[in-house]
Amino acid sequence: MVTELRAAFPPFSGEDFALYLHRVPGTYTFLGVRAPGALLTTSYPHFPDFSPDERAIGVGLRATAGWIAERTRAPRDLPDRSTLRSG
């Protein structure tokens, strides 16, 4: 089952990837890996009881392959590299 969520994700509230997305088109995706009925903390990589449901790997792989196929089928205008600033 795939569910799309649009909300803040507290364990990674300091993530700065959004800064990259201001310069280059992209996406940041969380792949849910909690087994049905398992404790919530088993799905957080930085918790000691992290125990992912490895069946999620196939879901993530298929989703990523689909996104790549979509992007290569209909190329989008990317910003000119000369407009990207460093630092």
PDB file of N, CA and C in Angstrom:
ATOM      1  N   MET A   1       0.837  -1.169   0.000  1.00  0.00           N
ATOM      2  CA  MET A   1       0.000   0.000   0.000  1.00  0.00           C
ATOM      3  C   MET A   1       0.887   1.239   0.000  1.00  0.00           C
ATOM      4  N   VAL A   2       0.548   2.222  -0.799  1.00  0.00           N
ATOM      5  CA  VAL A   2       1.289   3.477  -0.864  1.00  0.00           C
ATOM      6  C   VAL A   2       0.377   4.602  -0.395  1.00  0.00           C
ATOM      7  N   THR A   3       0.877   5.426   0.509  1.00  0.00           N
ATOM      8  CA  THR A   3       0.134   6.570   1.012  1.00  0.00           C
ATOM      9  C   THR A   3       0.996   7.803   0.864  1.00  0.00           C
ATOM     10  N   GLU A   4       0.449   8.855   0.301  1.00  0.00           N
ATOM     11  CA  GLU A   4       1.184  10.105   0.163  1.00  0.00           C
ATOM     12  C   GLU A   4       0.827  11.004   1.340  1.00  0.00           C
ATOM     13  N   LEU A   5       1.845  11.427   2.071  1.00  0.00           N
ATOM     14  CA  LEU A   5       1.656  12.311   3.216  1.00  0.00           C
ATOM     15  C   LEU A   5       2.281  13.657   2.913  1.00  0.00           C
ATOM     16  N   ARG A   6       1.661  14.710   3.374  1.00  0.00           N
ATOM     17  CA  ARG A   6       2.201  16.056   3.199  1.00  0.00           C
ATOM     18  C   ARG A   6       2.190  16.737   4.562  1.00  0.00           C
ATOM     19  N   ALA A   7       3.271  16.537   5.294  1.00  0.00           N
ATOM     20  CA  ALA A   7       3.351  17.108   6.640  1.00  0.00           C
ATOM     21  C   ALA A   7       4.809  17.140   7.077  1.00  0.00           C
ATOM     22  N   ALA A   8       5.057  17.876   8.128  1.00  0.00           N
ATOM     23  CA  ALA A   8       6.410  17.911   8.704  1.00  0.00           C
ATOM     24  C   ALA A   8       6.724  16.544   9.287  1.00  0.00           C
ATOM     25  N   PHE A   9       7.960  16.174   9.269  1.00  0.00           N
ATOM     26  CA  PHE A   9       8.403  14.893   9.798  1.00  0.00           C
ATOM     27  C   PHE A   9       9.359  15.185  10.954  1.00  0.00           C
ATOM     28  N   PRO A  10       8.870  15.195  12.184  1.00  0.00           N
ATOM     29  CA  PRO A  10       9.627  15.668  13.347  1.00  0.00           C
ATOM     30  C   PRO A  10      11.042  15.118  13.540  1.00  0.00           C
ATOM     31  N   PRO A  11      11.293  13.809  13.338  1.00  0.00           N
ATOM     32  CA  PRO A  11      12.658  13.337  13.629  1.00  0.00           C
ATOM     33  C   PRO A  11      13.741  13.990  12.783  1.00  0.00           C
ATOM     34  N   PHE A  12      13.385  14.566  11.647  1.00  0.00           N
ATOM     35  CA  PHE A  12      14.375  15.179  10.774  1.00  0.00           C
ATOM     36  C   PHE A  12      14.066  16.650  10.546  1.00  0.00           C
ATOM     37  N   SER A  13      13.597  17.330  11.572  1.00  0.00           N
ATOM     38  CA  SER A  13      13.182  18.722  11.405  1.00  0.00           C
ATOM     39  C   SER A  13      14.345  19.650  11.057  1.00  0.00           C
ATOM     40  N   GLY A  14      15.572  19.202  11.243  1.00  0.00           N
ATOM     41  CA  GLY A  14      16.727  20.023  10.907  1.00  0.00           C
ATOM     42  C   GLY A  14      17.253  19.772   9.509  1.00  0.00           C
ATOM     43  N   GLU A  15      16.556  18.962   8.742  1.00  0.00           N
ATOM     44  CA  GLU A  15      17.007  18.615   7.400  1.00  0.00           C
ATOM     45  C   GLU A  15      17.104  19.867   6.529  1.00  0.00           C
ATOM     46  N   ASP A  16      18.201  19.999   5.825  1.00  0.00           N
ATOM     47  CA  ASP A  16      18.411  21.197   4.998  1.00  0.00           C
ATOM     48  C   ASP A  16      18.315  20.923   3.501  1.00  0.00           C
ATOM     49  N   PHE A  17      17.779  19.786   3.111  1.00  0.00           N
ATOM     50  CA  PHE A  17      17.689  19.450   1.698  1.00  0.00           C
ATOM     51  C   PHE A  17      16.862  20.462   0.924  1.00  0.00           C
ATOM     52  N   ALA A  18      15.908  21.101   1.584  1.00  0.00           N
ATOM     53  CA  ALA A  18      15.071  22.107   0.911  1.00  0.00           C
ATOM     54  C   ALA A  18      15.921  23.218   0.313  1.00  0.00           C
ATOM     55  N   LEU A  19      17.069  23.495   0.907  1.00  0.00           N
ATOM     56  CA  LEU A  19      17.959  24.521   0.360  1.00  0.00           C
ATOM     57  C   LEU A  19      18.450  24.135  -1.033  1.00  0.00           C
ATOM     58  N   TYR A  20      18.696  22.864  -1.250  1.00  0.00           N
ATOM     59  CA  TYR A  20      19.111  22.395  -2.577  1.00  0.00           C
ATOM     60  C   TYR A  20      17.972  22.553  -3.580  1.00  0.00           C
ATOM     61  N   LEU A  21      16.750  22.269  -3.121  1.00  0.00           N
ATOM     62  CA  LEU A  21      15.610  22.324  -4.028  1.00  0.00           C
ATOM     63  C   LEU A  21      15.280  23.740  -4.476  1.00  0.00           C
ATOM     64  N   HIS A  22      15.805  24.742  -3.795  1.00  0.00           N
ATOM     65  CA  HIS A  22      15.634  26.120  -4.253  1.00  0.00           C
ATOM     66  C   HIS A  22      16.507  26.398  -5.473  1.00  0.00           C
ATOM     67  N   ARG A  23      17.540  25.586  -5.660  1.00  0.00           N
ATOM     68  CA  ARG A  23      18.479  25.807  -6.757  1.00  0.00           C
ATOM     69  C   ARG A  23      18.310  24.833  -7.911  1.00  0.00           C
ATOM     70  N   VAL A  24      17.933  23.590  -7.596  1.00  0.00           N
ATOM     71  CA  VAL A  24      17.837  22.543  -8.603  1.00  0.00           C
ATOM     72  C   VAL A  24      16.528  21.778  -8.390  1.00  0.00           C
ATOM     73  N   PRO A  25      15.747  21.558  -9.439  1.00  0.00           N
ATOM     74  CA  PRO A  25      14.502  20.800  -9.279  1.00  0.00           C
ATOM     75  C   PRO A  25      14.790  19.399  -8.742  1.00  0.00           C
ATOM     76  N   GLY A  26      13.956  18.942  -7.854  1.00  0.00           N
ATOM     77  CA  GLY A  26      14.171  17.615  -7.297  1.00  0.00           C
ATOM     78  C   GLY A  26      13.046  17.224  -6.362  1.00  0.00           C
ATOM     79  N   THR A  27      13.265  16.159  -5.621  1.00  0.00           N
ATOM     80  CA  THR A  27      12.286  15.673  -4.663  1.00  0.00           C
ATOM     81  C   THR A  27      13.001  15.050  -3.477  1.00  0.00           C
ATOM     82  N   TYR A  28      12.357  15.090  -2.353  1.00  0.00           N
ATOM     83  CA  TYR A  28      12.859  14.439  -1.142  1.00  0.00           C
ATOM     84  C   TYR A  28      11.745  13.516  -0.701  1.00  0.00           C
ATOM     85  N   THR A  29      12.023  12.251  -0.614  1.00  0.00           N
ATOM     86  CA  THR A  29      10.990  11.263  -0.369  1.00  0.00           C
ATOM     87  C   THR A  29      11.323  10.413   0.851  1.00  0.00           C
ATOM     88  N   PHE A  30      10.315  10.176   1.664  1.00  0.00           N
ATOM     89  CA  PHE A  30      10.454   9.253   2.784  1.00  0.00           C
ATOM     90  C   PHE A  30       9.791   7.944   2.384  1.00  0.00           C
ATOM     91  N   LEU A  31      10.479   6.862   2.637  1.00  0.00           N
ATOM     92  CA  LEU A  31       9.933   5.542   2.348  1.00  0.00           C
ATOM     93  C   LEU A  31       9.552   4.905   3.679  1.00  0.00           C
ATOM     94  N   GLY A  32       8.258   4.668   3.873  1.00  0.00           N
ATOM     95  CA  GLY A  32       7.808   4.020   5.104  1.00  0.00           C
ATOM     96  C   GLY A  32       8.280   2.578   5.150  1.00  0.00           C
ATOM     97  N   VAL A  33       8.891   2.191   6.249  1.00  0.00           N
ATOM     98  CA  VAL A  33       9.440   0.835   6.345  1.00  0.00           C
ATOM     99  C   VAL A  33       8.958   0.087   7.586  1.00  0.00           C
ATOM    100  N   ARG A  34       7.889   0.578   8.227  1.00  0.00           N
ATOM    101  CA  ARG A  34       7.392  -0.084   9.437  1.00  0.00           C
ATOM    102  C   ARG A  34       6.519  -1.265   9.047  1.00  0.00           C
ATOM    103  N   ALA A  35       6.781  -2.397   9.646  1.00  0.00           N
ATOM    104  CA  ALA A  35       5.961  -3.587   9.409  1.00  0.00           C
ATOM    105  C   ALA A  35       4.592  -3.392  10.055  1.00  0.00           C
ATOM    106  N   PRO A  36       3.537  -3.948   9.462  1.00  0.00           N
ATOM    107  CA  PRO A  36       2.209  -3.818  10.057  1.00  0.00           C
ATOM    108  C   PRO A  36       2.204  -4.289  11.519  1.00  0.00           C
ATOM    109  N   GLY A  37       1.677  -3.450  12.398  1.00  0.00           N
ATOM    110  CA  GLY A  37       1.585  -3.797  13.815  1.00  0.00           C
ATOM    111  C   GLY A  37       2.838  -3.558  14.629  1.00  0.00           C
ATOM    112  N   ALA A  38       3.944  -3.205  13.989  1.00  0.00           N
ATOM    113  CA  ALA A  38       5.203  -2.983  14.714  1.00  0.00           C
ATOM    114  C   ALA A  38       5.176  -1.624  15.412  1.00  0.00           C
ATOM    115  N   LEU A  39       6.005  -1.478  16.431  1.00  0.00           N
ATOM    116  CA  LEU A  39       6.131  -0.195  17.118  1.00  0.00           C
ATOM    117  C   LEU A  39       6.608   0.868  16.132  1.00  0.00           C
ATOM    118  N   LEU A  40       6.150   2.087  16.323  1.00  0.00           N
ATOM    119  CA  LEU A  40       6.516   3.193  15.438  1.00  0.00           C
ATOM    120  C   LEU A  40       8.033   3.398  15.393  1.00  0.00           C
ATOM    121  N   THR A  41       8.693   3.236  16.529  1.00  0.00           N
ATOM    122  CA  THR A  41      10.137   3.478  16.580  1.00  0.00           C
ATOM    123  C   THR A  41      10.943   2.476  15.755  1.00  0.00           C
ATOM    124  N   THR A  42      10.347   1.364  15.363  1.00  0.00           N
ATOM    125  CA  THR A  42      11.085   0.405  14.526  1.00  0.00           C
ATOM    126  C   THR A  42      11.286   0.936  13.117  1.00  0.00           C
ATOM    127  N   SER A  43      10.610   2.039  12.781  1.00  0.00           N
ATOM    128  CA  SER A  43      10.747   2.603  11.439  1.00  0.00           C
ATOM    129  C   SER A  43      11.674   3.812  11.395  1.00  0.00           C
ATOM    130  N   TYR A  44      12.264   4.191  12.517  1.00  0.00           N
ATOM    131  CA  TYR A  44      13.170   5.350  12.567  1.00  0.00           C
ATOM    132  C   TYR A  44      14.619   4.880  12.572  1.00  0.00           C
ATOM    133  N   PRO A  45      15.390   5.191  11.528  1.00  0.00           N
ATOM    134  CA  PRO A  45      16.763   4.690  11.418  1.00  0.00           C
ATOM    135  C   PRO A  45      17.678   5.019  12.597  1.00  0.00           C
ATOM    136  N   HIS A  46      17.428   6.103  13.296  1.00  0.00           N
ATOM    137  CA  HIS A  46      18.337   6.507  14.364  1.00  0.00           C
ATOM    138  C   HIS A  46      17.902   6.017  15.742  1.00  0.00           C
ATOM    139  N   PHE A  47      16.901   5.145  15.811  1.00  0.00           N
ATOM    140  CA  PHE A  47      16.441   4.590  17.079  1.00  0.00           C
ATOM    141  C   PHE A  47      17.062   3.209  17.263  1.00  0.00           C
ATOM    142  N   PRO A  48      17.338   2.818  18.502  1.00  0.00           N
ATOM    143  CA  PRO A  48      18.008   1.532  18.736  1.00  0.00           C
ATOM    144  C   PRO A  48      17.186   0.313  18.323  1.00  0.00           C
ATOM    145  N   ASP A  49      15.859   0.430  18.268  1.00  0.00           N
ATOM    146  CA  ASP A  49      15.052  -0.732  17.877  1.00  0.00           C
ATOM    147  C   ASP A  49      14.638  -0.696  16.402  1.00  0.00           C
ATOM    148  N   PHE A  50      15.391   0.044  15.590  1.00  0.00           N
ATOM    149  CA  PHE A  50      15.133   0.116  14.149  1.00  0.00           C
ATOM    150  C   PHE A  50      15.134  -1.287  13.556  1.00  0.00           C
ATOM    151  N   SER A  51      14.066  -1.640  12.917  1.00  0.00           N
ATOM    152  CA  SER A  51      13.927  -2.955  12.299  1.00  0.00           C
ATOM    153  C   SER A  51      13.000  -2.817  11.091  1.00  0.00           C
ATOM    154  N   PRO A  52      13.540  -2.372   9.950  1.00  0.00           N
ATOM    155  CA  PRO A  52      12.699  -2.089   8.795  1.00  0.00           C
ATOM    156  C   PRO A  52      12.081  -3.344   8.183  1.00  0.00           C
ATOM    157  N   ASP A  53      10.908  -3.168   7.605  1.00  0.00           N
ATOM    158  CA  ASP A  53      10.272  -4.223   6.831  1.00  0.00           C
ATOM    159  C   ASP A  53      10.902  -4.150   5.442  1.00  0.00           C
ATOM    160  N   GLU A  54      11.768  -5.070   5.128  1.00  0.00           N
ATOM    161  CA  GLU A  54      12.554  -5.006   3.893  1.00  0.00           C
ATOM    162  C   GLU A  54      11.714  -5.155   2.631  1.00  0.00           C
ATOM    163  N   ARG A  55      10.440  -5.513   2.764  1.00  0.00           N
ATOM    164  CA  ARG A  55       9.569  -5.549   1.584  1.00  0.00           C
ATOM    165  C   ARG A  55       9.381  -4.146   1.010  1.00  0.00           C
ATOM    166  N   ALA A  56       9.635  -3.124   1.817  1.00  0.00           N
ATOM    167  CA  ALA A  56       9.499  -1.740   1.355  1.00  0.00           C
ATOM    168  C   ALA A  56      10.548  -1.382   0.304  1.00  0.00           C
ATOM    169  N   ILE A  57      11.647  -2.104   0.280  1.00  0.00           N
ATOM    170  CA  ILE A  57      12.712  -1.809  -0.688  1.00  0.00           C
ATOM    171  C   ILE A  57      12.169  -1.900  -2.122  1.00  0.00           C
ATOM    172  N   GLY A  58      11.392  -2.930  -2.415  1.00  0.00           N
ATOM    173  CA  GLY A  58      10.821  -3.087  -3.752  1.00  0.00           C
ATOM    174  C   GLY A  58       9.867  -1.958  -4.105  1.00  0.00           C
ATOM    175  N   VAL A  59       9.081  -1.524  -3.119  1.00  0.00           N
ATOM    176  CA  VAL A  59       8.151  -0.407  -3.345  1.00  0.00           C
ATOM    177  C   VAL A  59       8.941   0.852  -3.686  1.00  0.00           C
ATOM    178  N   GLY A  60       9.984   1.137  -2.897  1.00  0.00           N
ATOM    179  CA  GLY A  60      10.807   2.324  -3.143  1.00  0.00           C
ATOM    180  C   GLY A  60      11.508   2.264  -4.488  1.00  0.00           C
ATOM    181  N   LEU A  61      11.999   1.097  -4.840  1.00  0.00           N
ATOM    182  CA  LEU A  61      12.683   0.927  -6.122  1.00  0.00           C
ATOM    183  C   LEU A  61      11.737   1.154  -7.293  1.00  0.00           C
ATOM    184  N   ARG A  62      10.528   0.585  -7.214  1.00  0.00           N
ATOM    185  CA  ARG A  62       9.560   0.774  -8.298  1.00  0.00           C
ATOM    186  C   ARG A  62       9.121   2.230  -8.394  1.00  0.00           C
ATOM    187  N   ALA A  63       8.927   2.886  -7.253  1.00  0.00           N
ATOM    188  CA  ALA A  63       8.524   4.297  -7.270  1.00  0.00           C
ATOM    189  C   ALA A  63       9.621   5.156  -7.893  1.00  0.00           C
ATOM    190  N   THR A  64      10.847   4.930  -7.494  1.00  0.00           N
ATOM    191  CA  THR A  64      11.966   5.700  -8.039  1.00  0.00           C
ATOM    192  C   THR A  64      12.112   5.463  -9.543  1.00  0.00           C
ATOM    193  N   ALA A  65      12.005   4.216  -9.963  1.00  0.00           N
ATOM    194  CA  ALA A  65      12.098   3.906 -11.399  1.00  0.00           C
ATOM    195  C   ALA A  65      10.975   4.603 -12.169  1.00  0.00           C
ATOM    196  N   GLY A  66       9.790   4.654 -11.592  1.00  0.00           N
ATOM    197  CA  GLY A  66       8.676   5.336 -12.239  1.00  0.00           C
ATOM    198  C   GLY A  66       8.921   6.828 -12.377  1.00  0.00           C
ATOM    199  N   TRP A  67       9.464   7.437 -11.323  1.00  0.00           N
ATOM    200  CA  TRP A  67       9.763   8.875 -11.381  1.00  0.00           C
ATOM    201  C   TRP A  67      10.817   9.164 -12.448  1.00  0.00           C
ATOM    202  N   ILE A  68      11.837   8.321 -12.498  1.00  0.00           N
ATOM    203  CA  ILE A  68      12.894   8.518 -13.500  1.00  0.00           C
ATOM    204  C   ILE A  68      12.318   8.357 -14.906  1.00  0.00           C
ATOM    205  N   ALA A  69      11.491   7.342 -15.112  1.00  0.00           N
ATOM    206  CA  ALA A  69      10.883   7.135 -16.427  1.00  0.00           C
ATOM    207  C   ALA A  69      10.034   8.341 -16.821  1.00  0.00           C
ATOM    208  N   GLU A  70       9.280   8.863 -15.882  1.00  0.00           N
ATOM    209  CA  GLU A  70       8.443  10.034 -16.161  1.00  0.00           C
ATOM    210  C   GLU A  70       9.297  11.242 -16.520  1.00  0.00           C
ATOM    211  N   ARG A  71      10.360  11.466 -15.783  1.00  0.00           N
ATOM    212  CA  ARG A  71      11.226  12.634 -16.047  1.00  0.00           C
ATOM    213  C   ARG A  71      11.934  12.518 -17.391  1.00  0.00           C
ATOM    214  N   THR A  72      12.307  11.321 -17.804  1.00  0.00           N
ATOM    215  CA  THR A  72      13.018  11.173 -19.073  1.00  0.00           C
ATOM    216  C   THR A  72      12.065  11.167 -20.257  1.00  0.00           C
ATOM    217  N   ARG A  73      10.793  10.845 -20.036  1.00  0.00           N
ATOM    218  CA  ARG A  73       9.803  10.883 -21.121  1.00  0.00           C
ATOM    219  C   ARG A  73       9.443  12.308 -21.496  1.00  0.00           C
ATOM    220  N   ALA A  74       9.334  13.164 -20.518  1.00  0.00           N
ATOM    221  CA  ALA A  74       8.934  14.550 -20.769  1.00  0.00           C
ATOM    222  C   ALA A  74       9.954  15.478 -20.113  1.00  0.00           C
ATOM    223  N   PRO A  75      11.080  15.709 -20.797  1.00  0.00           N
ATOM    224  CA  PRO A  75      12.111  16.557 -20.197  1.00  0.00           C
ATOM    225  C   PRO A  75      11.558  17.929 -19.832  1.00  0.00           C
ATOM    226  N   ARG A  76      11.991  18.414 -18.720  1.00  0.00           N
ATOM    227  CA  ARG A  76      11.567  19.726 -18.260  1.00  0.00           C
ATOM    228  C   ARG A  76      12.728  20.692 -18.374  1.00  0.00           C
ATOM    229  N   ASP A  77      12.419  21.955 -18.465  1.00  0.00           N
ATOM    230  CA  ASP A  77      13.466  22.965 -18.524  1.00  0.00           C
ATOM    231  C   ASP A  77      14.172  23.038 -17.174  1.00  0.00           C
ATOM    232  N   LEU A  78      15.455  22.837 -17.207  1.00  0.00           N
ATOM    233  CA  LEU A  78      16.264  22.956 -15.993  1.00  0.00           C
ATOM    234  C   LEU A  78      16.920  24.332 -15.988  1.00  0.00           C
ATOM    235  N   PRO A  79      17.223  24.861 -14.817  1.00  0.00           N
ATOM    236  CA  PRO A  79      17.853  26.178 -14.782  1.00  0.00           C
ATOM    237  C   PRO A  79      19.216  26.149 -15.457  1.00  0.00           C
ATOM    238  N   ASP A  80      19.581  27.248 -16.055  1.00  0.00           N
ATOM    239  CA  ASP A  80      20.889  27.390 -16.680  1.00  0.00           C
ATOM    240  C   ASP A  80      21.945  27.273 -15.583  1.00  0.00           C
ATOM    241  N   ARG A  81      22.961  26.449 -15.813  1.00  0.00           N
ATOM    242  CA  ARG A  81      23.986  26.226 -14.785  1.00  0.00           C
ATOM    243  C   ARG A  81      24.683  27.530 -14.376  1.00  0.00           C
ATOM    244  N   SER A  82      24.741  28.510 -15.271  1.00  0.00           N
ATOM    245  CA  SER A  82      25.419  29.775 -14.934  1.00  0.00           C
ATOM    246  C   SER A  82      24.643  30.579 -13.895  1.00  0.00           C
ATOM    247  N   THR A  83      23.344  30.256 -13.728  1.00  0.00           N
ATOM    248  CA  THR A  83      22.548  31.006 -12.737  1.00  0.00           C
ATOM    249  C   THR A  83      22.652  30.401 -11.347  1.00  0.00           C
ATOM    250  N   LEU A  84      23.241  29.202 -11.251  1.00  0.00           N
ATOM    251  CA  LEU A  84      23.383  28.567  -9.931  1.00  0.00           C
ATOM    252  C   LEU A  84      24.587  29.153  -9.203  1.00  0.00           C
ATOM    253  N   ARG A  85      24.338  29.631  -8.014  1.00  0.00           N
ATOM    254  CA  ARG A  85      25.427  30.203  -7.219  1.00  0.00           C
ATOM    255  C   ARG A  85      25.948  29.191  -6.225  1.00  0.00           C
ATOM    256  N   SER A  86      27.188  29.271  -5.882  1.00  0.00           N
ATOM    257  CA  SER A  86      27.738  28.383  -4.850  1.00  0.00           C
ATOM    258  C   SER A  86      27.729  29.113  -3.514  1.00  0.00           C
ATOM    259  N   GLY A  87      27.662  28.276  -2.444  1.00  0.00           N
ATOM    260  CA  GLY A  87      27.754  28.792  -1.079  1.00  0.00           C
ATOM    261  C   GLY A  87      26.626  29.582  -0.693  1.00  0.00           C
TER     262      GLY A  87
END
